Amino acid sequence: MNLSWYNTLNKPPLTPPSAIFAPAWGIIYSMIFLAFCIFMLNKTDKDKKSAIGFFIIQLLLNFSWSPAFFYLHNSILSLVIIILLIIFLILTINSFYKISKISAYLLIPYLLWICFAAYLNFGIMILN
């Protein structure tokens, strides 16, 4: 990913160094994968379809944020995507919680990171 555009932007307070993002995302994606595996392996009579749907939607939103921000350089579209991501991630966590509390808890750091990313996205939008 070419960060030359990103490096020229005015950034809000608390913006971490760029080197922090890759390891943080590595840990978060591992936790997302683990949460989903635990959820899917949980034997239950409860319907998992809506939870799986929410999970897939939030994952697609997650994957669409980077192209909108880094390739299209569209901080407004990126902010809309990340707000939708937060909504669907909360729906996912709530749905997972009904089947597997552990899976839901594993997604909490992801939610916190996404909320922080929304703050950064909003700050970049305002400052640039």
N, C-alpha and C. Protein backbone atom coordinates (compact mmCIF):
# COMPACT_ATOMS: atom_id res chain seq x y z
N MET A 1 0.85 -1.18 0.00
CA MET A 1 0.00 0.00 0.00
C MET A 1 0.89 1.24 0.00
N ASN A 2 0.61 2.16 -0.88
CA ASN A 2 1.36 3.40 -0.98
C ASN A 2 0.82 4.40 0.04
N LEU A 3 1.65 4.76 1.01
CA LEU A 3 1.22 5.68 2.07
C LEU A 3 1.65 7.12 1.82
N SER A 4 2.14 7.42 0.62
CA SER A 4 2.63 8.78 0.37
C SER A 4 1.51 9.80 0.54
N TRP A 5 0.31 9.51 0.05
CA TRP A 5 -0.83 10.43 0.24
C TRP A 5 -1.15 10.57 1.73
N TYR A 6 -1.24 9.45 2.43
CA TYR A 6 -1.57 9.46 3.86
C TYR A 6 -0.54 10.27 4.65
N ASN A 7 0.72 10.13 4.29
CA ASN A 7 1.78 10.83 5.02
C ASN A 7 1.72 12.35 4.87
N THR A 8 1.04 12.84 3.84
CA THR A 8 0.92 14.29 3.64
C THR A 8 -0.26 14.90 4.40
N LEU A 9 -1.13 14.07 4.96
CA LEU A 9 -2.34 14.56 5.61
C LEU A 9 -2.07 15.15 6.99
N ASN A 10 -2.89 16.12 7.37
CA ASN A 10 -2.92 16.58 8.75
C ASN A 10 -3.69 15.53 9.53
N LYS A 11 -3.15 15.11 10.66
CA LYS A 11 -3.76 14.04 11.43
C LYS A 11 -4.17 14.53 12.81
N PRO A 12 -5.22 13.92 13.37
CA PRO A 12 -5.70 14.34 14.69
C PRO A 12 -4.75 13.88 15.79
N PRO A 13 -4.90 14.49 16.98
CA PRO A 13 -4.10 14.03 18.12
C PRO A 13 -4.35 12.54 18.38
N LEU A 14 -3.38 11.88 18.93
CA LEU A 14 -3.42 10.45 19.28
C LEU A 14 -3.19 9.54 18.08
N THR A 15 -2.90 10.09 16.90
CA THR A 15 -2.62 9.25 15.74
C THR A 15 -1.33 8.47 16.00
N PRO A 16 -1.41 7.14 15.98
CA PRO A 16 -0.20 6.35 16.24
C PRO A 16 0.72 6.35 15.01
N PRO A 17 1.97 5.96 15.21
CA PRO A 17 2.88 5.83 14.07
C PRO A 17 2.34 4.76 13.10
N SER A 18 2.62 4.93 11.84
CA SER A 18 2.13 3.99 10.81
C SER A 18 2.55 2.55 11.10
N ALA A 19 3.70 2.36 11.72
CA ALA A 19 4.22 1.02 12.00
C ALA A 19 3.34 0.24 12.98
N ILE A 20 2.47 0.91 13.70
CA ILE A 20 1.60 0.25 14.68
C ILE A 20 0.45 -0.49 14.00
N PHE A 21 0.01 0.00 12.85
CA PHE A 21 -1.21 -0.52 12.24
C PHE A 21 -1.11 -1.99 11.81
N ALA A 22 -0.04 -2.39 11.17
CA ALA A 22 0.07 -3.78 10.69
C ALA A 22 0.04 -4.79 11.84
N PRO A 23 0.85 -4.61 12.90
CA PRO A 23 0.77 -5.58 13.99
C PRO A 23 -0.58 -5.56 14.71
N ALA A 24 -1.16 -4.38 14.86
CA ALA A 24 -2.47 -4.30 15.51
C ALA A 24 -3.51 -5.06 14.70
N TRP A 25 -3.52 -4.84 13.39
CA TRP A 25 -4.48 -5.55 12.55
C TRP A 25 -4.22 -7.05 12.52
N GLY A 26 -2.96 -7.45 12.58
CA GLY A 26 -2.63 -8.89 12.64
C GLY A 26 -3.26 -9.55 13.86
N ILE A 27 -3.14 -8.90 15.00
CA ILE A 27 -3.73 -9.42 16.24
C ILE A 27 -5.25 -9.41 16.14
N ILE A 28 -5.80 -8.32 15.65
CA ILE A 28 -7.27 -8.19 15.57
C ILE A 28 -7.85 -9.22 14.60
N TYR A 29 -7.23 -9.39 13.43
CA TYR A 29 -7.75 -10.39 12.48
C TYR A 29 -7.65 -11.81 13.06
N SER A 30 -6.62 -12.08 13.83
CA SER A 30 -6.51 -13.39 14.50
C SER A 30 -7.66 -13.58 15.48
N MET A 31 -7.98 -12.54 16.22
CA MET A 31 -9.08 -12.62 17.19
C MET A 31 -10.43 -12.76 16.48
N ILE A 32 -10.61 -12.07 15.35
CA ILE A 32 -11.84 -12.18 14.57
C ILE A 32 -12.00 -13.62 14.08
N PHE A 33 -10.94 -14.18 13.53
CA PHE A 33 -10.97 -15.55 13.03
C PHE A 33 -11.28 -16.54 14.16
N LEU A 34 -10.61 -16.37 15.29
CA LEU A 34 -10.84 -17.24 16.43
C LEU A 34 -12.28 -17.12 16.93
N ALA A 35 -12.78 -15.91 17.02
CA ALA A 35 -14.17 -15.69 17.46
C ALA A 35 -15.14 -16.40 16.53
N PHE A 36 -14.92 -16.28 15.23
CA PHE A 36 -15.83 -16.91 14.27
C PHE A 36 -15.74 -18.43 14.36
N CYS A 37 -14.54 -18.96 14.50
CA CYS A 37 -14.37 -20.42 14.62
C CYS A 37 -15.08 -20.95 15.86
N ILE A 38 -14.87 -20.31 16.98
CA ILE A 38 -15.53 -20.73 18.22
C ILE A 38 -17.04 -20.65 18.07
N PHE A 39 -17.52 -19.57 17.47
CA PHE A 39 -18.95 -19.40 17.24
C PHE A 39 -19.49 -20.54 16.38
N MET A 40 -18.83 -20.82 15.27
CA MET A 40 -19.32 -21.84 14.34
C MET A 40 -19.26 -23.24 14.95
N LEU A 41 -18.26 -23.51 15.79
CA LEU A 41 -18.12 -24.83 16.39
C LEU A 41 -19.04 -25.04 17.59
N ASN A 42 -19.64 -23.97 18.08
CA ASN A 42 -20.54 -24.07 19.22
C ASN A 42 -21.81 -24.80 18.80
N LYS A 43 -22.09 -25.89 19.51
CA LYS A 43 -23.30 -26.66 19.22
C LYS A 43 -24.46 -26.03 19.97
N THR A 44 -25.50 -25.69 19.21
CA THR A 44 -26.65 -25.02 19.79
C THR A 44 -27.89 -25.31 18.97
N ASP A 45 -29.03 -25.17 19.58
CA ASP A 45 -30.29 -25.27 18.86
C ASP A 45 -30.71 -23.91 18.31
N LYS A 46 -30.01 -22.86 18.71
CA LYS A 46 -30.37 -21.51 18.27
C LYS A 46 -29.93 -21.29 16.83
N ASP A 47 -30.68 -20.47 16.13
CA ASP A 47 -30.40 -20.15 14.74
C ASP A 47 -29.19 -19.20 14.65
N LYS A 48 -28.24 -19.56 13.83
CA LYS A 48 -27.02 -18.77 13.66
C LYS A 48 -27.05 -17.88 12.42
N LYS A 49 -28.10 -17.99 11.60
CA LYS A 49 -28.10 -17.33 10.29
C LYS A 49 -27.94 -15.82 10.37
N SER A 50 -28.68 -15.15 11.25
CA SER A 50 -28.57 -13.69 11.31
C SER A 50 -27.19 -13.27 11.80
N ALA A 51 -26.64 -14.00 12.76
CA ALA A 51 -25.30 -13.68 13.26
C ALA A 51 -24.26 -13.84 12.16
N ILE A 52 -24.37 -14.89 11.37
CA ILE A 52 -23.44 -15.10 10.26
C ILE A 52 -23.61 -13.99 9.22
N GLY A 53 -24.85 -13.61 8.96
CA GLY A 53 -25.11 -12.51 8.03
C GLY A 53 -24.49 -11.21 8.50
N PHE A 54 -24.68 -10.87 9.77
CA PHE A 54 -24.07 -9.65 10.33
C PHE A 54 -22.55 -9.73 10.23
N PHE A 55 -22.00 -10.91 10.55
CA PHE A 55 -20.55 -11.09 10.50
C PHE A 55 -20.01 -10.85 9.09
N ILE A 56 -20.67 -11.43 8.10
CA ILE A 56 -20.22 -11.27 6.71
C ILE A 56 -20.32 -9.81 6.27
N ILE A 57 -21.41 -9.15 6.63
CA ILE A 57 -21.58 -7.73 6.24
C ILE A 57 -20.49 -6.87 6.87
N GLN A 58 -20.22 -7.06 8.17
CA GLN A 58 -19.20 -6.23 8.81
C GLN A 58 -17.82 -6.53 8.21
N LEU A 59 -17.58 -7.78 7.84
CA LEU A 59 -16.29 -8.12 7.24
C LEU A 59 -16.14 -7.47 5.86
N LEU A 60 -17.21 -7.47 5.07
CA LEU A 60 -17.18 -6.80 3.77
C LEU A 60 -16.98 -5.29 3.93
N LEU A 61 -17.62 -4.71 4.93
CA LEU A 61 -17.42 -3.28 5.20
C LEU A 61 -15.98 -3.02 5.63
N ASN A 62 -15.44 -3.90 6.45
CA ASN A 62 -14.05 -3.78 6.89
C ASN A 62 -13.12 -3.77 5.67
N PHE A 63 -13.33 -4.73 4.77
CA PHE A 63 -12.47 -4.85 3.59
C PHE A 63 -12.68 -3.71 2.60
N SER A 64 -13.82 -3.04 2.64
CA SER A 64 -14.08 -1.94 1.71
C SER A 64 -13.55 -0.60 2.21
N TRP A 65 -13.24 -0.51 3.50
CA TRP A 65 -12.78 0.76 4.04
C TRP A 65 -11.42 1.17 3.45
N SER A 66 -10.47 0.27 3.43
CA SER A 66 -9.11 0.62 2.95
C SER A 66 -9.11 1.14 1.51
N PRO A 67 -9.77 0.47 0.56
CA PRO A 67 -9.79 1.04 -0.80
C PRO A 67 -10.45 2.42 -0.85
N ALA A 68 -11.53 2.60 -0.08
CA ALA A 68 -12.21 3.91 -0.09
C ALA A 68 -11.30 5.00 0.46
N PHE A 69 -10.55 4.68 1.49
CA PHE A 69 -9.70 5.68 2.13
C PHE A 69 -8.37 5.84 1.40
N PHE A 70 -7.63 4.75 1.20
CA PHE A 70 -6.27 4.85 0.69
C PHE A 70 -6.18 4.96 -0.82
N TYR A 71 -7.13 4.41 -1.57
CA TYR A 71 -7.05 4.45 -3.03
C TYR A 71 -7.93 5.54 -3.62
N LEU A 72 -9.14 5.68 -3.09
CA LEU A 72 -10.02 6.74 -3.58
C LEU A 72 -9.75 8.07 -2.89
N HIS A 73 -9.04 8.02 -1.75
CA HIS A 73 -8.74 9.21 -0.94
C HIS A 73 -10.03 9.93 -0.55
N ASN A 74 -11.05 9.15 -0.24
CA ASN A 74 -12.37 9.71 0.06
C ASN A 74 -12.67 9.51 1.54
N SER A 75 -12.35 10.52 2.34
CA SER A 75 -12.54 10.39 3.79
C SER A 75 -14.02 10.42 4.19
N ILE A 76 -14.87 11.03 3.36
CA ILE A 76 -16.31 11.04 3.68
C ILE A 76 -16.90 9.65 3.46
N LEU A 77 -16.64 9.06 2.31
CA LEU A 77 -17.11 7.70 2.04
C LEU A 77 -16.54 6.73 3.08
N SER A 78 -15.27 6.89 3.40
CA SER A 78 -14.64 6.03 4.41
C SER A 78 -15.33 6.15 5.76
N LEU A 79 -15.71 7.36 6.12
CA LEU A 79 -16.40 7.56 7.39
C LEU A 79 -17.77 6.89 7.39
N VAL A 80 -18.49 7.00 6.28
CA VAL A 80 -19.79 6.32 6.17
C VAL A 80 -19.59 4.81 6.32
N ILE A 81 -18.60 4.27 5.63
CA ILE A 81 -18.32 2.83 5.71
C ILE A 81 -17.99 2.42 7.13
N ILE A 82 -17.16 3.19 7.81
CA ILE A 82 -16.74 2.80 9.16
C ILE A 82 -17.89 2.92 10.17
N ILE A 83 -18.78 3.87 9.97
CA ILE A 83 -19.96 3.98 10.85
C ILE A 83 -20.86 2.76 10.64
N LEU A 84 -21.08 2.38 9.38
CA LEU A 84 -21.85 1.17 9.10
C LEU A 84 -21.15 -0.07 9.68
N LEU A 85 -19.84 -0.10 9.58
CA LEU A 85 -19.06 -1.19 10.15
C LEU A 85 -19.28 -1.30 11.65
N ILE A 86 -19.26 -0.17 12.34
CA ILE A 86 -19.49 -0.17 13.79
C ILE A 86 -20.88 -0.73 14.10
N ILE A 87 -21.87 -0.29 13.35
CA ILE A 87 -23.25 -0.77 13.57
C ILE A 87 -23.33 -2.28 13.38
N PHE A 88 -22.79 -2.77 12.26
CA PHE A 88 -22.89 -4.21 12.00
C PHE A 88 -21.98 -5.03 12.91
N LEU A 89 -20.90 -4.45 13.37
CA LEU A 89 -20.06 -5.15 14.34
C LEU A 89 -20.78 -5.28 15.68
N ILE A 90 -21.48 -4.24 16.10
CA ILE A 90 -22.28 -4.32 17.34
C ILE A 90 -23.39 -5.37 17.17
N LEU A 91 -24.04 -5.39 16.03
CA LEU A 91 -25.05 -6.43 15.77
C LEU A 91 -24.43 -7.82 15.80
N THR A 92 -23.23 -7.96 15.25
CA THR A 92 -22.52 -9.24 15.28
C THR A 92 -22.21 -9.65 16.71
N ILE A 93 -21.66 -8.74 17.48
CA ILE A 93 -21.30 -9.05 18.88
C ILE A 93 -22.54 -9.47 19.66
N ASN A 94 -23.62 -8.72 19.51
CA ASN A 94 -24.86 -9.08 20.21
C ASN A 94 -25.37 -10.45 19.79
N SER A 95 -25.31 -10.75 18.51
CA SER A 95 -25.78 -12.04 18.02
C SER A 95 -24.86 -13.18 18.46
N PHE A 96 -23.56 -12.94 18.42
CA PHE A 96 -22.60 -13.95 18.88
C PHE A 96 -22.79 -14.24 20.37
N TYR A 97 -23.05 -13.21 21.13
CA TYR A 97 -23.20 -13.34 22.58
C TYR A 97 -24.30 -14.35 22.95
N LYS A 98 -25.34 -14.41 22.15
CA LYS A 98 -26.45 -15.33 22.42
C LYS A 98 -26.05 -16.79 22.22
N ILE A 99 -25.00 -17.01 21.44
CA ILE A 99 -24.53 -18.36 21.14
C ILE A 99 -23.24 -18.68 21.90
N SER A 100 -22.30 -17.72 21.90
CA SER A 100 -20.99 -17.93 22.52
C SER A 100 -20.48 -16.62 23.10
N LYS A 101 -20.50 -16.53 24.40
CA LYS A 101 -20.01 -15.32 25.07
C LYS A 101 -18.53 -15.08 24.76
N ILE A 102 -17.75 -16.15 24.69
CA ILE A 102 -16.32 -16.03 24.40
C ILE A 102 -16.12 -15.37 23.02
N SER A 103 -16.88 -15.81 22.04
CA SER A 103 -16.78 -15.23 20.70
C SER A 103 -17.10 -13.74 20.74
N ALA A 104 -18.14 -13.39 21.46
CA ALA A 104 -18.51 -11.97 21.57
C ALA A 104 -17.39 -11.17 22.24
N TYR A 105 -16.84 -11.69 23.32
CA TYR A 105 -15.78 -10.97 24.04
C TYR A 105 -14.52 -10.81 23.18
N LEU A 106 -14.25 -11.79 22.33
CA LEU A 106 -13.07 -11.71 21.45
C LEU A 106 -13.20 -10.59 20.43
N LEU A 107 -14.42 -10.16 20.16
CA LEU A 107 -14.64 -9.09 19.18
C LEU A 107 -14.61 -7.69 19.79
N ILE A 108 -14.57 -7.60 21.11
CA ILE A 108 -14.57 -6.28 21.77
C ILE A 108 -13.33 -5.45 21.41
N PRO A 109 -12.11 -6.02 21.44
CA PRO A 109 -10.95 -5.20 21.02
C PRO A 109 -11.07 -4.69 19.59
N TYR A 110 -11.64 -5.49 18.72
CA TYR A 110 -11.91 -5.09 17.33
C TYR A 110 -12.84 -3.89 17.30
N LEU A 111 -13.91 -3.94 18.07
CA LEU A 111 -14.85 -2.82 18.13
C LEU A 111 -14.16 -1.56 18.63
N LEU A 112 -13.35 -1.69 19.67
CA LEU A 112 -12.63 -0.53 20.21
C LEU A 112 -11.66 0.04 19.17
N TRP A 113 -10.97 -0.83 18.46
CA TRP A 113 -10.02 -0.39 17.43
C TRP A 113 -10.76 0.32 16.29
N ILE A 114 -11.91 -0.21 15.90
CA ILE A 114 -12.70 0.40 14.82
C ILE A 114 -13.23 1.77 15.27
N CYS A 115 -13.64 1.87 16.52
CA CYS A 115 -14.09 3.18 17.04
C CYS A 115 -12.94 4.18 17.02
N PHE A 116 -11.75 3.73 17.38
CA PHE A 116 -10.57 4.59 17.32
C PHE A 116 -10.27 4.97 15.87
N ALA A 117 -10.38 4.01 14.96
CA ALA A 117 -10.17 4.30 13.53
C ALA A 117 -11.20 5.31 13.02
N ALA A 118 -12.43 5.22 13.52
CA ALA A 118 -13.47 6.19 13.12
C ALA A 118 -13.08 7.59 13.59
N TYR A 119 -12.55 7.67 14.81
CA TYR A 119 -12.07 8.96 15.32
C TYR A 119 -10.97 9.52 14.40
N LEU A 120 -10.01 8.66 14.03
CA LEU A 120 -8.93 9.10 13.15
C LEU A 120 -9.46 9.52 11.78
N ASN A 121 -10.37 8.72 11.23
CA ASN A 121 -10.98 9.04 9.93
C ASN A 121 -11.71 10.38 9.99
N PHE A 122 -12.50 10.58 11.03
CA PHE A 122 -13.23 11.84 11.20
C PHE A 122 -12.26 13.01 11.34
N GLY A 123 -11.22 12.82 12.14
CA GLY A 123 -10.21 13.88 12.32
C GLY A 123 -9.53 14.24 11.02
N ILE A 124 -9.17 13.24 10.24
CA ILE A 124 -8.53 13.49 8.95
C ILE A 124 -9.49 14.23 8.02
N MET A 125 -10.75 13.83 8.05
CA MET A 125 -11.76 14.49 7.20
C MET A 125 -11.87 15.96 7.57
N ILE A 126 -11.91 16.26 8.85
CA ILE A 126 -12.07 17.64 9.32
C ILE A 126 -10.80 18.47 9.07
N LEU A 127 -9.65 17.89 9.30
CA LEU A 127 -8.39 18.63 9.22
C LEU A 127 -7.86 18.81 7.78
N ASN A 128 -8.45 18.08 6.86
CA ASN A 128 -7.96 18.17 5.48
C ASN A 128 -9.09 18.59 4.62
